[in-house]
N, C-alpha and C. Protein backbone atom coordinates (compact mmCIF):
# COMPACT_ATOMS: atom_id res chain seq x y z
N MET A 1 -21.75 -78.97 26.79
CA MET A 1 -20.59 -79.82 26.64
C MET A 1 -19.71 -79.65 27.87
N ASN A 2 -19.15 -80.74 28.28
CA ASN A 2 -18.26 -80.75 29.43
C ASN A 2 -17.06 -79.84 29.15
N LYS A 3 -16.64 -79.08 30.15
CA LYS A 3 -15.56 -78.10 29.98
C LYS A 3 -14.24 -78.77 29.62
N THR A 4 -13.97 -79.94 30.17
CA THR A 4 -12.72 -80.65 29.85
C THR A 4 -12.71 -81.11 28.41
N VAL A 5 -13.82 -81.66 27.95
CA VAL A 5 -13.92 -82.10 26.55
C VAL A 5 -13.78 -80.90 25.61
N TYR A 6 -14.41 -79.80 25.99
CA TYR A 6 -14.31 -78.57 25.19
C TYR A 6 -12.86 -78.10 25.08
N LEU A 7 -12.13 -78.12 26.17
CA LEU A 7 -10.74 -77.67 26.15
C LEU A 7 -9.85 -78.61 25.34
N ILE A 8 -10.11 -79.90 25.41
CA ILE A 8 -9.33 -80.86 24.62
C ILE A 8 -9.60 -80.65 23.13
N LEU A 9 -10.88 -80.49 22.77
CA LEU A 9 -11.22 -80.24 21.37
C LEU A 9 -10.65 -78.91 20.87
N LEU A 10 -10.70 -77.89 21.71
CA LEU A 10 -10.12 -76.59 21.35
C LEU A 10 -8.62 -76.71 21.14
N PHE A 11 -7.94 -77.42 22.03
CA PHE A 11 -6.50 -77.63 21.92
C PHE A 11 -6.16 -78.31 20.60
N VAL A 12 -6.84 -79.40 20.30
CA VAL A 12 -6.56 -80.17 19.08
C VAL A 12 -6.92 -79.35 17.84
N PHE A 13 -8.08 -78.67 17.86
CA PHE A 13 -8.49 -77.87 16.71
C PHE A 13 -7.50 -76.75 16.42
N LEU A 14 -7.11 -75.99 17.45
CA LEU A 14 -6.17 -74.89 17.25
C LEU A 14 -4.80 -75.39 16.82
N LEU A 15 -4.40 -76.54 17.34
CA LEU A 15 -3.12 -77.13 16.95
C LEU A 15 -3.11 -77.48 15.46
N PHE A 16 -4.13 -78.21 15.00
CA PHE A 16 -4.19 -78.59 13.59
C PHE A 16 -4.40 -77.39 12.68
N LEU A 17 -5.22 -76.44 13.12
CA LEU A 17 -5.43 -75.23 12.32
C LEU A 17 -4.12 -74.46 12.13
N GLN A 18 -3.37 -74.33 13.19
CA GLN A 18 -2.11 -73.59 13.11
C GLN A 18 -1.08 -74.33 12.26
N ILE A 19 -0.96 -75.62 12.48
CA ILE A 19 0.08 -76.39 11.78
C ILE A 19 -0.22 -76.52 10.29
N PHE A 20 -1.44 -76.88 9.95
CA PHE A 20 -1.73 -77.23 8.57
C PHE A 20 -2.27 -76.09 7.72
N VAL A 21 -2.79 -75.04 8.34
CA VAL A 21 -3.36 -73.94 7.55
C VAL A 21 -2.60 -72.64 7.78
N LEU A 22 -2.58 -72.17 9.02
CA LEU A 22 -2.07 -70.83 9.30
C LEU A 22 -0.56 -70.70 9.17
N ASN A 23 0.19 -71.78 9.41
CA ASN A 23 1.64 -71.71 9.22
C ASN A 23 2.03 -71.53 7.76
N ASN A 24 1.12 -71.83 6.86
CA ASN A 24 1.40 -71.70 5.43
C ASN A 24 1.02 -70.34 4.88
N ILE A 25 0.53 -69.45 5.72
CA ILE A 25 0.19 -68.10 5.29
C ILE A 25 1.36 -67.17 5.62
N ASN A 26 1.88 -66.52 4.62
CA ASN A 26 2.94 -65.53 4.79
C ASN A 26 2.69 -64.44 3.76
N PHE A 27 1.74 -63.58 4.07
CA PHE A 27 1.29 -62.57 3.13
C PHE A 27 2.22 -61.36 3.17
N LEU A 28 2.81 -61.03 2.05
CA LEU A 28 3.72 -59.89 1.88
C LEU A 28 4.95 -59.96 2.78
N GLY A 29 5.25 -61.11 3.31
CA GLY A 29 6.42 -61.28 4.16
C GLY A 29 6.26 -60.75 5.57
N TYR A 30 5.13 -60.16 5.90
CA TYR A 30 4.93 -59.58 7.23
C TYR A 30 3.77 -60.20 7.99
N ILE A 31 2.81 -60.77 7.31
CA ILE A 31 1.58 -61.19 7.97
C ILE A 31 1.56 -62.70 8.15
N ASN A 32 1.67 -63.11 9.40
CA ASN A 32 1.56 -64.50 9.79
C ASN A 32 0.55 -64.58 10.94
N PRO A 33 -0.60 -65.21 10.74
CA PRO A 33 -1.55 -65.31 11.84
C PRO A 33 -1.15 -66.43 12.81
N PHE A 34 -1.29 -66.15 14.07
CA PHE A 34 -1.00 -67.13 15.12
C PHE A 34 -2.23 -67.26 16.02
N LEU A 35 -3.21 -67.96 15.53
CA LEU A 35 -4.49 -68.07 16.22
C LEU A 35 -4.45 -69.07 17.37
N TYR A 36 -3.39 -69.85 17.48
CA TYR A 36 -3.30 -70.84 18.55
C TYR A 36 -3.27 -70.20 19.94
N ILE A 37 -2.98 -68.91 20.02
CA ILE A 37 -2.94 -68.25 21.33
C ILE A 37 -4.34 -68.09 21.92
N ALA A 38 -5.38 -68.34 21.13
CA ALA A 38 -6.75 -68.28 21.65
C ALA A 38 -6.96 -69.31 22.75
N PHE A 39 -6.16 -70.36 22.76
CA PHE A 39 -6.26 -71.36 23.83
C PHE A 39 -6.02 -70.72 25.19
N VAL A 40 -5.09 -69.80 25.26
CA VAL A 40 -4.79 -69.12 26.53
C VAL A 40 -5.98 -68.26 26.96
N PHE A 41 -6.65 -67.64 26.00
CA PHE A 41 -7.78 -66.77 26.33
C PHE A 41 -8.97 -67.55 26.87
N TYR A 42 -9.18 -68.75 26.35
CA TYR A 42 -10.36 -69.53 26.72
C TYR A 42 -10.13 -70.52 27.85
N PHE A 43 -8.88 -70.72 28.26
CA PHE A 43 -8.61 -71.63 29.37
C PHE A 43 -9.19 -71.04 30.65
N PRO A 44 -9.87 -71.84 31.46
CA PRO A 44 -10.49 -71.29 32.68
C PRO A 44 -9.46 -70.71 33.65
N LEU A 45 -9.86 -69.65 34.32
CA LEU A 45 -8.96 -69.00 35.28
C LEU A 45 -8.90 -69.80 36.56
N LYS A 46 -7.69 -69.97 37.04
CA LYS A 46 -7.46 -70.62 38.33
C LYS A 46 -6.25 -69.96 38.96
N GLU A 47 -6.24 -69.97 40.28
CA GLU A 47 -5.10 -69.39 40.96
C GLU A 47 -3.85 -70.23 40.75
N ASN A 48 -4.02 -71.54 40.61
CA ASN A 48 -2.91 -72.44 40.31
C ASN A 48 -2.56 -72.29 38.83
N LYS A 49 -1.36 -71.82 38.54
CA LYS A 49 -0.96 -71.56 37.16
C LYS A 49 -0.38 -72.78 36.45
N PHE A 50 -0.13 -73.85 37.18
CA PHE A 50 0.54 -74.99 36.56
C PHE A 50 -0.21 -75.58 35.37
N PRO A 51 -1.54 -75.82 35.44
CA PRO A 51 -2.21 -76.42 34.27
C PRO A 51 -2.13 -75.57 33.01
N ILE A 52 -2.37 -74.28 33.11
CA ILE A 52 -2.31 -73.42 31.92
C ILE A 52 -0.89 -73.31 31.40
N LEU A 53 0.09 -73.26 32.28
CA LEU A 53 1.48 -73.20 31.84
C LEU A 53 1.90 -74.51 31.16
N PHE A 54 1.46 -75.63 31.71
CA PHE A 54 1.81 -76.93 31.12
C PHE A 54 1.18 -77.09 29.74
N PHE A 55 -0.13 -76.85 29.63
CA PHE A 55 -0.79 -77.05 28.34
C PHE A 55 -0.36 -76.00 27.30
N SER A 56 -0.07 -74.81 27.73
CA SER A 56 0.44 -73.79 26.81
C SER A 56 1.83 -74.18 26.30
N PHE A 57 2.66 -74.66 27.21
CA PHE A 57 4.00 -75.11 26.81
C PHE A 57 3.90 -76.28 25.83
N LEU A 58 3.01 -77.21 26.12
CA LEU A 58 2.82 -78.36 25.24
C LEU A 58 2.34 -77.92 23.85
N LEU A 59 1.39 -77.01 23.81
CA LEU A 59 0.89 -76.49 22.53
C LEU A 59 2.00 -75.78 21.77
N GLY A 60 2.73 -74.92 22.43
CA GLY A 60 3.82 -74.20 21.79
C GLY A 60 4.93 -75.13 21.33
N LEU A 61 5.23 -76.14 22.12
CA LEU A 61 6.28 -77.08 21.77
C LEU A 61 5.91 -77.91 20.54
N ILE A 62 4.66 -78.34 20.45
CA ILE A 62 4.22 -79.10 19.28
C ILE A 62 4.26 -78.21 18.04
N ILE A 63 3.82 -76.97 18.17
CA ILE A 63 3.88 -76.06 17.02
C ILE A 63 5.33 -75.78 16.64
N ASP A 64 6.21 -75.65 17.63
CA ASP A 64 7.64 -75.48 17.33
C ASP A 64 8.21 -76.69 16.60
N PHE A 65 7.77 -77.86 16.99
CA PHE A 65 8.25 -79.07 16.35
C PHE A 65 7.88 -79.10 14.87
N PHE A 66 6.65 -78.75 14.56
CA PHE A 66 6.20 -78.78 13.17
C PHE A 66 6.65 -77.55 12.38
N SER A 67 6.96 -76.47 13.08
CA SER A 67 7.41 -75.25 12.39
C SER A 67 8.92 -75.16 12.30
N ASP A 68 9.62 -76.05 13.01
CA ASP A 68 11.08 -76.04 13.07
C ASP A 68 11.59 -74.67 13.53
N SER A 69 11.01 -74.21 14.66
CA SER A 69 11.34 -72.87 15.13
C SER A 69 12.12 -72.84 16.44
N GLY A 70 12.49 -73.97 16.97
CA GLY A 70 13.44 -74.00 18.07
C GLY A 70 12.94 -73.52 19.42
N GLY A 71 11.68 -73.55 19.69
CA GLY A 71 11.17 -73.21 21.02
C GLY A 71 10.62 -71.82 21.19
N ILE A 72 10.61 -71.00 20.16
CA ILE A 72 10.14 -69.62 20.34
C ILE A 72 8.63 -69.53 20.49
N HIS A 73 7.89 -70.45 19.90
CA HIS A 73 6.44 -70.46 20.11
C HIS A 73 6.12 -70.86 21.54
N ALA A 74 6.84 -71.84 22.05
CA ALA A 74 6.63 -72.27 23.43
C ALA A 74 6.95 -71.14 24.40
N LEU A 75 8.05 -70.45 24.16
CA LEU A 75 8.43 -69.33 25.03
C LEU A 75 7.39 -68.22 25.00
N SER A 76 6.94 -67.86 23.82
CA SER A 76 6.02 -66.73 23.72
C SER A 76 4.64 -67.05 24.29
N ILE A 77 4.14 -68.27 24.06
CA ILE A 77 2.82 -68.59 24.58
C ILE A 77 2.85 -68.83 26.09
N ILE A 78 3.95 -69.37 26.59
CA ILE A 78 4.03 -69.57 28.04
C ILE A 78 4.17 -68.22 28.76
N THR A 79 4.76 -67.25 28.10
CA THR A 79 4.86 -65.90 28.68
C THR A 79 3.48 -65.27 28.83
N ILE A 80 2.65 -65.34 27.78
CA ILE A 80 1.32 -64.73 27.92
C ILE A 80 0.44 -65.55 28.84
N ALA A 81 0.67 -66.87 28.92
CA ALA A 81 -0.10 -67.69 29.86
C ALA A 81 0.23 -67.31 31.30
N TYR A 82 1.49 -66.98 31.54
CA TYR A 82 1.91 -66.56 32.87
C TYR A 82 1.37 -65.17 33.22
N LEU A 83 1.35 -64.27 32.24
CA LEU A 83 0.93 -62.89 32.48
C LEU A 83 -0.58 -62.68 32.47
N ARG A 84 -1.35 -63.65 32.03
CA ARG A 84 -2.77 -63.41 31.82
C ARG A 84 -3.53 -63.09 33.10
N LEU A 85 -3.19 -63.69 34.24
CA LEU A 85 -3.88 -63.35 35.49
C LEU A 85 -3.62 -61.91 35.90
N PHE A 86 -2.42 -61.42 35.65
CA PHE A 86 -2.13 -60.01 35.93
C PHE A 86 -3.04 -59.11 35.10
N PHE A 87 -3.19 -59.42 33.81
CA PHE A 87 -4.02 -58.58 32.96
C PHE A 87 -5.51 -58.76 33.23
N VAL A 88 -5.91 -59.90 33.75
CA VAL A 88 -7.31 -60.06 34.18
C VAL A 88 -7.58 -59.15 35.36
N ARG A 89 -6.62 -59.06 36.28
CA ARG A 89 -6.78 -58.16 37.41
C ARG A 89 -6.77 -56.70 36.97
N VAL A 90 -5.94 -56.36 35.98
CA VAL A 90 -5.83 -54.98 35.50
C VAL A 90 -7.08 -54.56 34.73
N PHE A 91 -7.49 -55.35 33.74
CA PHE A 91 -8.57 -54.95 32.86
C PHE A 91 -9.96 -55.25 33.40
N PHE A 92 -10.11 -56.35 34.11
CA PHE A 92 -11.44 -56.78 34.57
C PHE A 92 -11.66 -56.58 36.06
N LYS A 93 -10.62 -56.21 36.79
CA LYS A 93 -10.70 -55.98 38.23
C LYS A 93 -11.23 -57.21 38.97
N LYS A 94 -10.75 -58.39 38.58
CA LYS A 94 -11.19 -59.64 39.18
C LYS A 94 -10.22 -60.07 40.26
N LEU A 95 -10.79 -60.63 41.32
CA LEU A 95 -10.01 -61.19 42.42
C LEU A 95 -9.99 -62.70 42.28
N PRO A 96 -9.10 -63.39 42.99
CA PRO A 96 -9.07 -64.86 42.88
C PRO A 96 -10.42 -65.52 43.20
N SER A 97 -11.21 -64.91 44.04
CA SER A 97 -12.53 -65.51 44.34
C SER A 97 -13.49 -65.40 43.16
N ASP A 98 -13.22 -64.51 42.20
CA ASP A 98 -14.08 -64.34 41.02
C ASP A 98 -13.68 -65.23 39.85
N TYR A 99 -12.55 -65.91 39.95
CA TYR A 99 -12.01 -66.65 38.81
C TYR A 99 -12.95 -67.74 38.32
N SER A 100 -13.63 -68.42 39.21
CA SER A 100 -14.50 -69.54 38.78
C SER A 100 -15.72 -69.04 38.01
N PHE A 101 -16.09 -67.77 38.16
CA PHE A 101 -17.25 -67.22 37.47
C PHE A 101 -16.88 -66.40 36.23
N PHE A 102 -15.61 -66.27 35.96
CA PHE A 102 -15.14 -65.43 34.86
C PHE A 102 -15.41 -66.10 33.51
N ASN A 103 -15.95 -65.31 32.58
CA ASN A 103 -16.20 -65.78 31.21
C ASN A 103 -16.02 -64.59 30.28
N LEU A 104 -15.23 -64.75 29.25
CA LEU A 104 -14.97 -63.64 28.32
C LEU A 104 -16.24 -63.18 27.61
N GLN A 105 -17.16 -64.11 27.33
CA GLN A 105 -18.38 -63.75 26.60
C GLN A 105 -19.31 -62.86 27.41
N THR A 106 -19.20 -62.88 28.72
CA THR A 106 -20.10 -62.09 29.55
C THR A 106 -19.52 -60.73 29.94
N GLU A 107 -18.27 -60.51 29.61
CA GLU A 107 -17.62 -59.24 29.96
C GLU A 107 -17.87 -58.20 28.87
N ALA A 108 -17.65 -56.95 29.21
CA ALA A 108 -17.83 -55.84 28.25
C ALA A 108 -16.81 -55.97 27.12
N PHE A 109 -17.25 -55.64 25.92
CA PHE A 109 -16.40 -55.81 24.74
C PHE A 109 -15.12 -54.98 24.84
N GLY A 110 -15.19 -53.76 25.34
CA GLY A 110 -14.01 -52.91 25.44
C GLY A 110 -12.93 -53.52 26.32
N LYS A 111 -13.33 -54.10 27.43
CA LYS A 111 -12.35 -54.73 28.32
C LYS A 111 -11.76 -55.99 27.68
N VAL A 112 -12.62 -56.78 27.05
CA VAL A 112 -12.15 -57.99 26.37
C VAL A 112 -11.19 -57.62 25.24
N PHE A 113 -11.54 -56.60 24.50
CA PHE A 113 -10.70 -56.14 23.39
C PHE A 113 -9.32 -55.72 23.90
N ASN A 114 -9.27 -54.91 24.93
CA ASN A 114 -7.99 -54.46 25.48
C ASN A 114 -7.16 -55.63 26.01
N TYR A 115 -7.81 -56.55 26.67
CA TYR A 115 -7.14 -57.73 27.23
C TYR A 115 -6.52 -58.58 26.12
N ILE A 116 -7.29 -58.88 25.10
CA ILE A 116 -6.82 -59.75 24.02
C ILE A 116 -5.77 -59.04 23.16
N VAL A 117 -5.96 -57.77 22.89
CA VAL A 117 -4.97 -57.02 22.10
C VAL A 117 -3.64 -56.96 22.84
N THR A 118 -3.67 -56.70 24.13
CA THR A 118 -2.44 -56.61 24.91
C THR A 118 -1.68 -57.93 24.90
N LEU A 119 -2.37 -59.03 25.18
CA LEU A 119 -1.69 -60.32 25.21
C LEU A 119 -1.21 -60.73 23.81
N THR A 120 -1.97 -60.40 22.78
CA THR A 120 -1.56 -60.75 21.42
C THR A 120 -0.31 -59.98 21.01
N ILE A 121 -0.26 -58.71 21.32
CA ILE A 121 0.92 -57.90 20.97
C ILE A 121 2.15 -58.38 21.75
N ILE A 122 1.97 -58.71 23.02
CA ILE A 122 3.10 -59.23 23.81
C ILE A 122 3.61 -60.53 23.20
N HIS A 123 2.68 -61.43 22.86
CA HIS A 123 3.06 -62.70 22.26
C HIS A 123 3.83 -62.49 20.95
N HIS A 124 3.27 -61.67 20.08
CA HIS A 124 3.88 -61.46 18.77
C HIS A 124 5.23 -60.75 18.88
N PHE A 125 5.33 -59.79 19.80
CA PHE A 125 6.60 -59.09 19.96
C PHE A 125 7.70 -60.05 20.42
N ILE A 126 7.39 -60.89 21.40
CA ILE A 126 8.39 -61.86 21.88
C ILE A 126 8.75 -62.83 20.76
N LEU A 127 7.74 -63.29 20.04
CA LEU A 127 7.96 -64.24 18.96
C LEU A 127 8.87 -63.66 17.88
N PHE A 128 8.55 -62.47 17.39
CA PHE A 128 9.34 -61.89 16.31
C PHE A 128 10.68 -61.35 16.79
N ALA A 129 10.78 -60.97 18.06
CA ALA A 129 12.07 -60.54 18.59
C ALA A 129 13.05 -61.71 18.60
N PHE A 130 12.56 -62.89 18.94
CA PHE A 130 13.45 -64.05 18.94
C PHE A 130 13.66 -64.64 17.55
N ILE A 131 12.71 -64.42 16.64
CA ILE A 131 12.94 -64.86 15.25
C ILE A 131 14.06 -64.03 14.63
N ASN A 132 14.03 -62.72 14.81
CA ASN A 132 15.05 -61.84 14.21
C ASN A 132 16.31 -61.76 15.06
N PHE A 133 16.16 -61.66 16.37
CA PHE A 133 17.25 -61.68 17.34
C PHE A 133 18.40 -60.77 16.98
N SER A 134 18.07 -59.52 16.66
CA SER A 134 19.09 -58.55 16.32
C SER A 134 18.51 -57.15 16.48
N PHE A 135 19.32 -56.22 16.99
CA PHE A 135 18.85 -54.84 17.10
C PHE A 135 18.82 -54.16 15.73
N GLN A 136 19.54 -54.69 14.78
CA GLN A 136 19.53 -54.12 13.43
C GLN A 136 18.19 -54.36 12.75
N ASN A 137 17.48 -55.39 13.16
CA ASN A 137 16.19 -55.73 12.55
C ASN A 137 15.01 -55.29 13.42
N PHE A 138 15.22 -54.29 14.26
CA PHE A 138 14.16 -53.88 15.18
C PHE A 138 12.94 -53.35 14.44
N THR A 139 13.12 -52.66 13.34
CA THR A 139 11.96 -52.18 12.57
C THR A 139 11.21 -53.35 11.96
N SER A 140 11.93 -54.38 11.58
CA SER A 140 11.29 -55.59 11.06
C SER A 140 10.48 -56.28 12.15
N VAL A 141 11.01 -56.29 13.36
CA VAL A 141 10.29 -56.87 14.50
C VAL A 141 8.99 -56.10 14.74
N LEU A 142 9.07 -54.79 14.75
CA LEU A 142 7.87 -53.98 14.99
C LEU A 142 6.85 -54.11 13.86
N THR A 143 7.34 -54.14 12.63
CA THR A 143 6.43 -54.27 11.48
C THR A 143 5.73 -55.62 11.49
N ASN A 144 6.50 -56.69 11.71
CA ASN A 144 5.91 -58.02 11.79
C ASN A 144 4.93 -58.11 12.95
N THR A 145 5.29 -57.55 14.09
CA THR A 145 4.41 -57.58 15.25
C THR A 145 3.11 -56.85 14.97
N LEU A 146 3.20 -55.68 14.39
CA LEU A 146 2.00 -54.89 14.11
C LEU A 146 1.07 -55.59 13.12
N PHE A 147 1.60 -55.97 11.97
CA PHE A 147 0.75 -56.54 10.93
C PHE A 147 0.21 -57.92 11.32
N SER A 148 1.05 -58.76 11.90
CA SER A 148 0.59 -60.08 12.31
C SER A 148 -0.41 -60.00 13.45
N SER A 149 -0.20 -59.05 14.36
CA SER A 149 -1.16 -58.88 15.46
C SER A 149 -2.52 -58.44 14.93
N VAL A 150 -2.53 -57.51 14.00
CA VAL A 150 -3.80 -57.05 13.44
C VAL A 150 -4.52 -58.21 12.73
N PHE A 151 -3.78 -58.97 11.94
CA PHE A 151 -4.40 -60.08 11.22
C PHE A 151 -4.88 -61.17 12.18
N THR A 152 -4.10 -61.48 13.20
CA THR A 152 -4.51 -62.47 14.19
C THR A 152 -5.75 -61.99 14.94
N LEU A 153 -5.79 -60.72 15.30
CA LEU A 153 -6.95 -60.17 16.02
C LEU A 153 -8.20 -60.18 15.15
N VAL A 154 -8.06 -59.85 13.87
CA VAL A 154 -9.22 -59.89 12.97
C VAL A 154 -9.75 -61.32 12.88
N LEU A 155 -8.85 -62.28 12.71
CA LEU A 155 -9.28 -63.68 12.65
C LEU A 155 -9.92 -64.13 13.96
N PHE A 156 -9.34 -63.74 15.08
CA PHE A 156 -9.88 -64.14 16.38
C PHE A 156 -11.28 -63.59 16.60
N PHE A 157 -11.45 -62.29 16.40
CA PHE A 157 -12.76 -61.69 16.65
C PHE A 157 -13.79 -62.15 15.63
N LEU A 158 -13.38 -62.40 14.41
CA LEU A 158 -14.30 -62.92 13.40
C LEU A 158 -14.74 -64.34 13.77
N ALA A 159 -13.80 -65.19 14.14
CA ALA A 159 -14.14 -66.55 14.56
C ALA A 159 -14.98 -66.54 15.84
N ASN A 160 -14.65 -65.65 16.74
CA ASN A 160 -15.42 -65.54 17.99
C ASN A 160 -16.86 -65.13 17.70
N TYR A 161 -17.03 -64.23 16.77
CA TYR A 161 -18.38 -63.78 16.39
C TYR A 161 -19.16 -64.89 15.69
N ILE A 162 -18.50 -65.64 14.83
CA ILE A 162 -19.17 -66.69 14.08
C ILE A 162 -19.53 -67.88 14.97
N PHE A 163 -18.63 -68.28 15.86
CA PHE A 163 -18.81 -69.54 16.60
C PHE A 163 -19.45 -69.39 17.97
N THR A 164 -19.75 -68.20 18.43
CA THR A 164 -20.41 -68.06 19.73
C THR A 164 -21.90 -67.85 19.52
N LYS A 165 -22.64 -68.43 20.45
CA LYS A 165 -24.10 -68.30 20.38
C LYS A 165 -24.51 -66.94 20.93
N GLU A 166 -25.58 -66.41 20.38
CA GLU A 166 -26.12 -65.13 20.88
C GLU A 166 -26.78 -65.40 22.23
N GLN A 167 -26.50 -64.54 23.21
CA GLN A 167 -27.03 -64.79 24.56
C GLN A 167 -28.18 -63.88 24.88
């Protein structure tokens, strides 16, 4: 499948999944999965950050519109979209000349795990920090970040295992 068509379908699928299914999950008041951030993980690496920042902002803004959350999804996803090249360099030791050949499925699981966990925790921490927006609720921010990150990661790795072909 063409990479552009794949990215458009992924964008639309994650958008509808988040809006119509995952936004309605609020288990025990702490667990909210935010699987839409997988778009950032699967977007091709390029030295030019404008496309990933634009599409991440658009995805976050649409989710904010349907969630009535005032821009915090857009802020949090655009932050991890901006930081992802830094973490690719840190965890995978990739240079800009390697970006066109980079694929998460071909990398070692430990590196992929660290990369995805780090970006997910950053996203969730920013998201819940702005939802609570108070130092009095800092334990609530940490609890929500921890539990929602674990649930999002379980869903991500489970979906990744189910939907990827064995190589």
